[in-house]
């Protein structure tokens, strides 16, 4: 459980430092990270996965013939 507390404290300090660097509040940075950036990265990674899956299938089909 100590590792979990350490990771939580580190991440919280990281968000607070980002807020100080950009002159925003903790809540604003938290919103940007978890409500804007995270969904964008999640959707992009799913799109990248399916793109690669299609490329692999095409490659396999081309090399079977």
C-alpha atoms as a PDB file:
ATOM      1  CA  UNK A   1       0.000   0.000   0.000  1.00  0.00           C
ATOM      2  CA  UNK A   2       2.969   2.306   0.546  1.00  0.00           C
ATOM      3  CA  UNK A   3       3.773   2.199  -3.164  1.00  0.00           C
ATOM      4  CA  UNK A   4       0.227   3.342  -3.958  1.00  0.00           C
ATOM      5  CA  UNK A   5       0.539   6.279  -1.561  1.00  0.00           C
ATOM      6  CA  UNK A   6       3.903   7.214  -3.048  1.00  0.00           C
ATOM      7  CA  UNK A   7       2.557   7.142  -6.611  1.00  0.00           C
ATOM      8  CA  UNK A   8      -0.506   9.182  -5.607  1.00  0.00           C
ATOM      9  CA  UNK A   9       1.647  11.796  -3.838  1.00  0.00           C
ATOM     10  CA  UNK A  10       4.065  11.974  -6.777  1.00  0.00           C
ATOM     11  CA  UNK A  11       1.267  12.418  -9.325  1.00  0.00           C
ATOM     12  CA  UNK A  12      -0.475  15.025  -7.186  1.00  0.00           C
ATOM     13  CA  UNK A  13       2.773  16.971  -6.788  1.00  0.00           C
ATOM     14  CA  UNK A  14       3.325  16.716 -10.541  1.00  0.00           C
ATOM     15  CA  UNK A  15      -0.121  18.216 -11.254  1.00  0.00           C
ATOM     16  CA  UNK A  16       0.479  20.980  -8.697  1.00  0.00           C
ATOM     17  CA  UNK A  17       3.850  21.791 -10.308  1.00  0.00           C
ATOM     18  CA  UNK A  18       2.236  21.900 -13.762  1.00  0.00           C
ATOM     19  CA  UNK A  19      -0.384  24.271 -12.389  1.00  0.00           C
ATOM     20  CA  UNK A  20       2.325  26.552 -11.001  1.00  0.00           C
ATOM     21  CA  UNK A  21       4.334  26.472 -14.236  1.00  0.00           C
ATOM     22  CA  UNK A  22       1.341  27.375 -16.416  1.00  0.00           C
ATOM     23  CA  UNK A  23      -0.230  29.792 -13.926  1.00  0.00           C
ATOM     24  CA  UNK A  24      -3.418  27.760 -13.630  1.00  0.00           C
ATOM     25  CA  UNK A  25      -5.170  26.169 -10.694  1.00  0.00           C
ATOM     26  CA  UNK A  26      -4.829  22.531  -9.693  1.00  0.00           C
ATOM     27  CA  UNK A  27      -8.435  21.932 -10.778  1.00  0.00           C
ATOM     28  CA  UNK A  28      -7.883  23.471 -14.209  1.00  0.00           C
ATOM     29  CA  UNK A  29      -4.805  21.333 -14.880  1.00  0.00           C
ATOM     30  CA  UNK A  30      -6.643  18.288 -13.544  1.00  0.00           C
ATOM     31  CA  UNK A  31      -9.504  19.004 -15.972  1.00  0.00           C
ATOM     32  CA  UNK A  32      -7.124  19.469 -18.906  1.00  0.00           C
ATOM     33  CA  UNK A  33      -5.248  16.251 -18.163  1.00  0.00           C
ATOM     34  CA  UNK A  34      -8.158  13.944 -17.329  1.00  0.00           C
ATOM     35  CA  UNK A  35     -11.070  15.430 -19.302  1.00  0.00           C
ATOM     36  CA  UNK A  36      -9.252  16.640 -22.417  1.00  0.00           C
ATOM     37  CA  UNK A  37      -5.860  14.980 -22.947  1.00  0.00           C
ATOM     38  CA  UNK A  38      -6.670  11.507 -21.622  1.00  0.00           C
ATOM     39  CA  UNK A  39      -9.760  10.984 -23.839  1.00  0.00           C
ATOM     40  CA  UNK A  40      -7.871  12.297 -26.874  1.00  0.00           C
ATOM     41  CA  UNK A  41      -4.963   9.913 -26.232  1.00  0.00           C
ATOM     42  CA  UNK A  42      -7.348   7.029 -25.587  1.00  0.00           C
ATOM     43  CA  UNK A  43      -9.242   7.569 -28.845  1.00  0.00           C
ATOM     44  CA  UNK A  44      -5.987   8.073 -30.759  1.00  0.00           C
ATOM     45  CA  UNK A  45      -4.495   4.857 -29.391  1.00  0.00           C
ATOM     46  CA  UNK A  46      -7.613   2.865 -30.306  1.00  0.00           C
ATOM     47  CA  UNK A  47      -7.511   4.388 -33.795  1.00  0.00           C
ATOM     48  CA  UNK A  48      -3.816   3.546 -34.090  1.00  0.00           C
ATOM     49  CA  UNK A  49      -4.518  -0.039 -33.010  1.00  0.00           C
ATOM     50  CA  UNK A  50      -7.172  -0.562 -35.674  1.00  0.00           C
ATOM     51  CA  UNK A  51      -5.032   1.142 -38.325  1.00  0.00           C
ATOM     52  CA  UNK A  52      -2.151  -1.208 -37.559  1.00  0.00           C
ATOM     53  CA  UNK A  53      -4.488  -4.197 -37.521  1.00  0.00           C
ATOM     54  CA  UNK A  54      -5.734  -3.302 -41.012  1.00  0.00           C
ATOM     55  CA  UNK A  55      -2.156  -2.811 -42.261  1.00  0.00           C
ATOM     56  CA  UNK A  56      -1.104  -6.208 -40.915  1.00  0.00           C
ATOM     57  CA  UNK A  57      -4.069  -7.928 -42.575  1.00  0.00           C
ATOM     58  CA  UNK A  58      -3.304  -6.239 -45.904  1.00  0.00           C
ATOM     59  CA  UNK A  59       0.345  -7.218 -45.597  1.00  0.00           C
ATOM     60  CA  UNK A  60      -0.571 -10.850 -44.846  1.00  0.00           C
ATOM     61  CA  UNK A  61      -2.985 -10.982 -47.796  1.00  0.00           C
ATOM     62  CA  UNK A  62      -0.392  -9.526 -50.192  1.00  0.00           C
ATOM     63  CA  UNK A  63       2.299 -11.982 -49.134  1.00  0.00           C
ATOM     64  CA  UNK A  64       0.095 -15.092 -49.274  1.00  0.00           C
ATOM     65  CA  UNK A  65      -0.287 -14.803 -53.035  1.00  0.00           C
END
